[in-house]
C-alpha atoms as a PDB file:
ATOM      1  CA  UNK A   1      -7.998  -8.369  -1.322  1.00  0.00           C
ATOM      2  CA  UNK A   2     -10.085  -6.249  -3.675  1.00  0.00           C
ATOM      3  CA  UNK A   3      -9.107  -2.907  -5.218  1.00  0.00           C
ATOM      4  CA  UNK A   4     -11.719  -0.325  -5.759  1.00  0.00           C
ATOM      5  CA  UNK A   5     -11.253   1.406  -9.133  1.00  0.00           C
ATOM      6  CA  UNK A   6     -13.656   4.273  -8.509  1.00  0.00           C
ATOM      7  CA  UNK A   7     -15.545   3.356 -11.745  1.00  0.00           C
ATOM      8  CA  UNK A   8     -18.160   1.200 -10.151  1.00  0.00           C
ATOM      9  CA  UNK A   9     -16.297  -2.068  -9.995  1.00  0.00           C
ATOM     10  CA  UNK A  10     -13.476  -3.807  -8.145  1.00  0.00           C
ATOM     11  CA  UNK A  11     -10.449  -5.727  -9.267  1.00  0.00           C
ATOM     12  CA  UNK A  12      -8.840  -8.635  -7.498  1.00  0.00           C
ATOM     13  CA  UNK A  13      -5.104  -8.556  -8.023  1.00  0.00           C
ATOM     14  CA  UNK A  14      -3.268 -11.856  -8.656  1.00  0.00           C
ATOM     15  CA  UNK A  15      -1.979 -13.683  -5.596  1.00  0.00           C
ATOM     16  CA  UNK A  16       1.559 -12.943  -6.652  1.00  0.00           C
ATOM     17  CA  UNK A  17       0.940  -9.217  -6.332  1.00  0.00           C
ATOM     18  CA  UNK A  18      -0.524  -9.654  -2.914  1.00  0.00           C
ATOM     19  CA  UNK A  19       2.473 -11.762  -1.785  1.00  0.00           C
ATOM     20  CA  UNK A  20       4.889  -9.218  -3.211  1.00  0.00           C
ATOM     21  CA  UNK A  21       3.007  -6.396  -1.380  1.00  0.00           C
ATOM     22  CA  UNK A  22       3.127  -8.302   1.914  1.00  0.00           C
ATOM     23  CA  UNK A  23       6.770  -9.070   1.551  1.00  0.00           C
ATOM     24  CA  UNK A  24       7.536  -5.312   0.758  1.00  0.00           C
ATOM     25  CA  UNK A  25       5.532  -4.088   3.764  1.00  0.00           C
ATOM     26  CA  UNK A  26       7.230  -6.607   6.055  1.00  0.00           C
ATOM     27  CA  UNK A  27      10.654  -5.597   4.874  1.00  0.00           C
ATOM     28  CA  UNK A  28       9.823  -1.867   5.420  1.00  0.00           C
ATOM     29  CA  UNK A  29       8.468  -2.564   8.942  1.00  0.00           C
ATOM     30  CA  UNK A  30      11.647  -4.637   9.678  1.00  0.00           C
ATOM     31  CA  UNK A  31      13.920  -1.799   8.506  1.00  0.00           C
ATOM     32  CA  UNK A  32      12.079   0.705  10.667  1.00  0.00           C
ATOM     33  CA  UNK A  33      12.312  -1.397  13.884  1.00  0.00           C
ATOM     34  CA  UNK A  34      14.904   0.915  15.467  1.00  0.00           C
ATOM     35  CA  UNK A  35      13.117   4.012  14.445  1.00  0.00           C
ATOM     36  CA  UNK A  36       9.831   4.396  16.417  1.00  0.00           C
ATOM     37  CA  UNK A  37       8.716   7.695  14.947  1.00  0.00           C
ATOM     38  CA  UNK A  38       9.285   6.518  11.385  1.00  0.00           C
ATOM     39  CA  UNK A  39       7.610   3.221  12.223  1.00  0.00           C
ATOM     40  CA  UNK A  40       4.585   5.017  13.552  1.00  0.00           C
ATOM     41  CA  UNK A  41       4.378   7.205  10.437  1.00  0.00           C
ATOM     42  CA  UNK A  42       4.740   4.236   8.188  1.00  0.00           C
ATOM     43  CA  UNK A  43       1.782   2.420   9.944  1.00  0.00           C
ATOM     44  CA  UNK A  44      -0.293   5.520   9.767  1.00  0.00           C
ATOM     45  CA  UNK A  45       0.317   6.051   6.095  1.00  0.00           C
ATOM     46  CA  UNK A  46       0.093   2.486   4.814  1.00  0.00           C
ATOM     47  CA  UNK A  47      -3.330   1.990   6.417  1.00  0.00           C
ATOM     48  CA  UNK A  48      -4.788   5.370   5.462  1.00  0.00           C
ATOM     49  CA  UNK A  49      -7.390   5.108   2.739  1.00  0.00           C
ATOM     50  CA  UNK A  50      -6.881   8.635   1.478  1.00  0.00           C
ATOM     51  CA  UNK A  51      -3.160   8.238   1.216  1.00  0.00           C
ATOM     52  CA  UNK A  52      -3.667   4.990  -0.694  1.00  0.00           C
ATOM     53  CA  UNK A  53      -6.146   6.607  -3.102  1.00  0.00           C
ATOM     54  CA  UNK A  54      -3.619   9.374  -3.805  1.00  0.00           C
ATOM     55  CA  UNK A  55      -0.810   6.883  -4.313  1.00  0.00           C
ATOM     56  CA  UNK A  56      -3.041   4.938  -6.762  1.00  0.00           C
ATOM     57  CA  UNK A  57      -3.911   8.128  -8.691  1.00  0.00           C
ATOM     58  CA  UNK A  58      -0.189   9.139  -8.928  1.00  0.00           C
ATOM     59  CA  UNK A  59       0.625   5.715 -10.281  1.00  0.00           C
ATOM     60  CA  UNK A  60      -1.878   6.018 -13.041  1.00  0.00           C
ATOM     61  CA  UNK A  61      -0.003   9.141 -14.283  1.00  0.00           C
ATOM     62  CA  UNK A  62       3.120   7.079 -14.843  1.00  0.00           C
ATOM     63  CA  UNK A  63       1.495   4.626 -17.294  1.00  0.00           C
END
């Protein structure tokens, strides 16, 4: 998995980060099993490049 920084290069996060992200996404999906509308929204949002870019930008403001 590579993360585009928007500054002409990409970063490859450590495998521990990727594992943690996969676990978190699996947990969220599991929790939403009984909620089809919320599950659909989660899947739309987590795979949307614009939402992910906005999320990344908001995280930069917290540093």
